[in-house]
Amino acid sequence: MSFDADDEYRTWVFDVTFLLSRWSCIYGKGCQGVLTGPTPEREEGCCSYGAHFVDQADVDRVAAVAATLGPDEWQFHAEGARHGILKKRPASPKVTRMVKGACLFLNRPGFAGGVGCALHLAALKRGHRPLDYKPEVCWQLPLRSVDTEDAEGHVTSTVGEWGRSGWGEGGAEFHWWCTEAREAFVGAEPVYRSMADELAAMVGPGVYRRLAAYLDLRRTGSVPLPHPAVR
């Protein structure tokens, strides 16, 4: 589906098939990870590589949250405090550091504070939204928004599934990717409802409400079809 934004300088395009699907993150419940072979026992999910920050504001927000974490919440607290959260390289994009083969924010199996992203776990423990704590790319997955601009400055924003291609050449090396796996489509709600906060943060509350209203109607089968001349 697609519609123009109120300012008429942007068109939103949404992948209805994925947003109506029952995809759900199965981290720790059958996720095989994104290495070159199945590694469910490592419980790394898509955290086997450093997270790429979108801008300095993204870095600053995550760094501020990291400064509030204690060693009981973050397995690699000492490493983060000593060396910082960024991989030491001068070029962009900025990426979280790796520790022992995965993102430094990933608590490994056996850690008393809980297995998984320390930022995610801390947010839930404190009654906050994980999207307010995690790098932008991390809380958006497996959603992706791509902007294209024409010669007149009109932007088309396409929101849909983050597939293997979203990772670049490295995506082809993954043994497994969740949006391709039947076992991940087990959610109690469609994606546009289960990831309502994430979608609203990506596209804005007003656009999300318009999207959700349309998809609610579509699920009931009561969306009126336009005249063939204007389809």
Protein backbone atom coordinates (compact mmCIF):
# COMPACT_ATOMS: atom_id res chain seq x y z
CA MET A 1 0.00 0.00 0.00
CA SER A 2 1.10 3.58 -0.46
CA PHE A 3 -0.07 7.09 0.33
CA ASP A 4 1.32 10.60 0.23
CA ALA A 5 2.37 12.38 3.39
CA ASP A 6 0.49 15.51 4.41
CA ASP A 7 3.34 17.74 3.23
CA GLU A 8 3.15 16.19 -0.28
CA TYR A 9 6.95 15.89 -0.43
CA ARG A 10 7.00 12.24 0.57
CA THR A 11 5.23 9.06 -0.46
CA TRP A 12 5.08 6.17 1.98
CA VAL A 13 5.13 2.62 0.61
CA PHE A 14 4.51 -0.32 2.94
CA ASP A 15 5.10 -4.05 2.46
CA VAL A 16 1.67 -5.25 3.53
CA THR A 17 2.54 -8.92 3.18
CA PHE A 18 5.24 -8.75 5.85
CA LEU A 19 3.38 -6.33 8.12
CA LEU A 20 0.35 -8.64 8.17
CA SER A 21 2.49 -11.73 8.79
CA ARG A 22 2.91 -13.40 12.17
CA TRP A 23 6.69 -13.03 12.24
CA SER A 24 8.10 -12.89 15.76
CA CYS A 25 11.64 -12.77 17.13
CA ILE A 26 12.53 -16.25 18.38
CA TYR A 27 15.80 -15.30 20.04
CA GLY A 28 16.67 -18.09 22.46
CA LYS A 29 13.76 -20.18 21.19
CA GLY A 30 15.15 -21.71 18.02
CA CYS A 31 17.08 -18.81 16.47
CA GLN A 32 20.08 -20.30 14.69
CA GLY A 33 22.09 -17.09 14.51
CA VAL A 34 23.70 -15.38 11.54
CA LEU A 35 27.01 -17.19 11.27
CA THR A 36 27.97 -19.57 8.46
CA GLY A 37 26.48 -22.55 10.29
CA PRO A 38 23.72 -23.17 12.83
CA THR A 39 24.76 -22.01 16.33
CA PRO A 40 21.62 -21.93 18.51
CA GLU A 41 23.66 -22.92 21.56
CA ARG A 42 25.62 -19.65 21.41
CA GLU A 43 22.41 -17.59 21.72
CA GLU A 44 23.90 -14.74 19.72
CA GLY A 45 20.95 -14.08 17.42
CA CYS A 46 21.97 -11.27 15.07
CA CYS A 47 24.48 -9.89 17.62
CA SER A 48 27.46 -11.82 16.21
CA TYR A 49 28.61 -8.60 14.55
CA GLY A 50 28.92 -5.05 15.82
CA ALA A 51 25.91 -2.77 15.47
CA HIS A 52 26.31 0.07 12.95
CA PHE A 53 25.15 3.42 14.32
CA VAL A 54 23.20 5.70 12.00
CA ASP A 55 24.59 8.99 13.33
CA GLN A 56 26.28 10.64 16.31
CA ALA A 57 22.96 11.09 18.11
CA ASP A 58 22.49 7.31 17.96
CA VAL A 59 25.97 6.83 19.46
CA ASP A 60 25.40 9.41 22.19
CA ARG A 61 22.05 7.91 23.22
CA VAL A 62 23.43 4.38 23.55
CA ALA A 63 26.59 5.57 25.31
CA ALA A 64 24.47 7.44 27.86
CA VAL A 65 22.42 4.31 28.55
CA ALA A 66 25.55 2.15 28.78
CA ALA A 67 26.90 4.49 31.46
CA THR A 68 23.91 3.59 33.66
CA LEU A 69 24.44 -0.18 33.44
CA GLY A 70 26.09 -2.03 36.29
CA PRO A 71 28.29 -5.13 36.12
CA ASP A 72 25.34 -7.19 37.34
CA GLU A 73 23.45 -6.18 34.18
CA TRP A 74 26.23 -6.08 31.61
CA GLN A 75 28.69 -8.95 31.39
CA PHE A 76 31.37 -6.87 29.67
CA HIS A 77 30.88 -3.77 31.80
CA ALA A 78 34.60 -3.59 32.63
CA GLU A 79 35.61 -3.72 28.96
CA GLY A 80 33.08 -1.04 28.06
CA ALA A 81 34.17 1.24 30.89
CA ARG A 82 37.83 0.80 30.04
CA HIS A 83 37.78 0.99 26.25
CA GLY A 84 34.43 2.56 25.32
CA ILE A 85 31.65 1.08 23.23
CA LEU A 86 32.96 1.89 19.74
CA LYS A 87 35.20 -0.17 17.54
CA LYS A 88 38.46 1.72 17.20
CA ARG A 89 38.64 2.75 13.58
CA PRO A 90 38.66 6.25 12.09
CA ALA A 91 36.30 5.69 9.18
CA SER A 92 32.50 5.75 9.22
CA PRO A 93 30.19 4.14 10.01
CA LYS A 94 30.70 3.87 13.75
CA VAL A 95 30.22 0.33 15.06
CA THR A 96 29.99 -1.23 18.51
CA ARG A 97 33.11 -3.02 19.64
CA MET A 98 33.39 -6.80 19.51
CA VAL A 99 34.35 -8.82 22.58
CA LYS A 100 35.08 -12.54 22.35
CA GLY A 101 33.54 -12.83 18.90
CA ALA A 102 30.31 -10.86 19.31
CA CYS A 103 28.93 -7.43 20.21
CA LEU A 104 30.18 -6.21 23.60
CA PHE A 105 26.58 -5.62 24.72
CA LEU A 106 25.71 -9.31 24.33
CA ASN A 107 25.54 -11.19 27.64
CA ARG A 108 26.54 -14.80 26.98
CA PRO A 109 24.98 -18.04 28.25
CA GLY A 110 25.68 -18.54 31.94
CA PHE A 111 25.75 -14.85 32.87
CA ALA A 112 23.72 -14.32 36.05
CA GLY A 113 22.25 -11.05 34.83
CA GLY A 114 20.52 -12.73 31.90
CA VAL A 115 21.45 -13.86 28.41
CA GLY A 116 20.95 -11.46 25.50
CA CYS A 117 21.44 -7.79 24.76
CA ALA A 118 22.32 -6.00 28.00
CA LEU A 119 20.59 -2.86 26.72
CA HIS A 120 17.40 -4.75 25.89
CA LEU A 121 17.34 -6.59 29.20
CA ALA A 122 17.97 -3.39 31.18
CA ALA A 123 15.13 -1.59 29.40
CA LEU A 124 12.66 -4.34 30.25
CA LYS A 125 13.89 -4.53 33.84
CA ARG A 126 13.37 -0.78 34.27
CA GLY A 127 9.97 -0.72 32.58
CA HIS A 128 11.20 1.11 29.49
CA ARG A 129 11.03 0.36 25.78
CA PRO A 130 14.06 -1.46 24.34
CA LEU A 131 14.00 0.91 21.36
CA ASP A 132 14.93 3.76 23.70
CA TYR A 133 18.10 1.94 24.80
CA LYS A 134 19.39 0.05 21.77
CA PRO A 135 21.18 1.18 18.58
CA GLU A 136 18.67 2.17 15.94
CA VAL A 137 19.51 -0.69 13.59
CA CYS A 138 19.01 -3.19 16.41
CA TRP A 139 15.54 -2.10 17.48
CA GLN A 140 14.32 -1.75 13.91
CA LEU A 141 15.20 -5.28 12.80
CA PRO A 142 13.65 -6.97 10.92
CA LEU A 143 11.96 -3.80 9.67
CA ARG A 144 13.76 -1.57 7.21
CA SER A 145 13.02 1.85 5.75
CA VAL A 146 14.71 2.91 2.51
CA ASP A 147 14.43 6.44 1.07
CA THR A 148 14.84 7.34 -2.59
CA GLU A 149 14.65 10.89 -3.94
CA ASP A 150 13.77 11.95 -7.45
CA ALA A 151 15.09 14.92 -9.39
CA GLU A 152 12.30 17.14 -8.05
CA GLY A 153 13.17 16.36 -4.43
CA HIS A 154 10.19 14.08 -3.82
CA VAL A 155 11.11 11.28 -1.39
CA THR A 156 9.67 7.78 -1.54
CA SER A 157 10.08 5.91 1.76
CA THR A 158 9.61 2.16 1.52
CA VAL A 159 9.05 0.25 4.77
CA GLY A 160 9.15 -3.51 4.83
CA GLU A 161 11.14 -6.60 5.69
CA TRP A 162 14.88 -6.48 6.28
CA GLY A 163 16.00 -9.43 4.20
CA ARG A 164 19.46 -10.85 3.58
CA SER A 165 20.12 -8.16 0.98
CA GLY A 166 19.91 -5.52 3.70
CA TRP A 167 23.20 -6.79 5.08
CA GLY A 168 25.08 -6.34 1.82
CA GLU A 169 27.40 -9.04 0.50
CA GLY A 170 27.79 -10.57 3.95
CA GLY A 171 24.13 -11.55 4.07
CA ALA A 172 24.67 -14.27 1.49
CA GLU A 173 27.00 -16.04 3.92
CA PHE A 174 24.41 -16.43 6.67
CA HIS A 175 23.42 -20.03 7.23
CA TRP A 176 20.01 -18.81 8.46
CA TRP A 177 17.99 -15.63 8.45
CA CYS A 178 14.82 -15.29 10.50
CA THR A 179 12.47 -13.73 7.93
CA GLU A 180 13.13 -16.71 5.67
CA ALA A 181 12.44 -19.26 8.42
CA ARG A 182 8.97 -20.73 8.80
CA GLU A 183 9.54 -21.32 12.52
CA ALA A 184 9.78 -17.56 13.14
CA PHE A 185 6.24 -16.87 11.91
CA VAL A 186 4.54 -17.82 15.16
CA GLY A 187 3.53 -14.46 16.63
CA ALA A 188 0.26 -13.91 18.44
CA GLU A 189 -0.31 -10.67 16.50
CA PRO A 190 0.59 -9.40 13.03
CA VAL A 191 3.86 -7.48 12.78
CA TYR A 192 2.20 -4.07 12.43
CA ARG A 193 0.69 -4.58 15.90
CA SER A 194 3.49 -6.47 17.66
CA MET A 195 6.01 -3.85 16.45
CA ALA A 196 3.71 -0.85 16.78
CA ASP A 197 6.20 1.17 18.83
CA GLU A 198 9.01 0.51 16.38
CA LEU A 199 6.92 1.41 13.35
CA ALA A 200 5.63 4.60 14.97
CA ALA A 201 9.21 5.60 15.80
CA MET A 202 10.28 4.94 12.21
CA VAL A 203 7.47 6.70 10.35
CA GLY A 204 5.90 9.00 12.94
CA PRO A 205 2.75 8.47 15.04
CA GLY A 206 0.37 10.00 12.49
CA VAL A 207 1.58 7.88 9.59
CA TYR A 208 1.50 4.78 11.79
CA ARG A 209 -2.10 5.43 12.83
CA ARG A 210 -3.10 5.75 9.18
CA LEU A 211 -1.27 2.53 8.32
CA ALA A 212 -2.75 0.61 11.24
CA ALA A 213 -6.29 1.80 10.50
CA TYR A 214 -5.98 0.56 6.93
CA LEU A 215 -4.52 -2.80 7.95
CA ASP A 216 -7.17 -3.26 10.65
CA LEU A 217 -9.82 -2.84 7.96
CA ARG A 218 -7.95 -5.10 5.56
CA ARG A 219 -7.85 -7.87 8.16
CA THR A 220 -11.64 -7.72 8.48
CA GLY A 221 -12.05 -7.84 4.72
CA SER A 222 -13.91 -4.53 4.63
CA VAL A 223 -11.53 -2.34 2.64
CA PRO A 224 -13.48 -0.85 -0.29
CA LEU A 225 -11.90 -1.36 -3.69
CA PRO A 226 -11.40 1.79 -5.79
CA HIS A 227 -12.91 2.12 -9.24
CA PRO A 228 -10.69 0.32 -11.81
CA ALA A 229 -9.90 3.63 -13.46
CA VAL A 230 -8.10 4.89 -10.34
CA ARG A 231 -6.46 1.69 -9.09
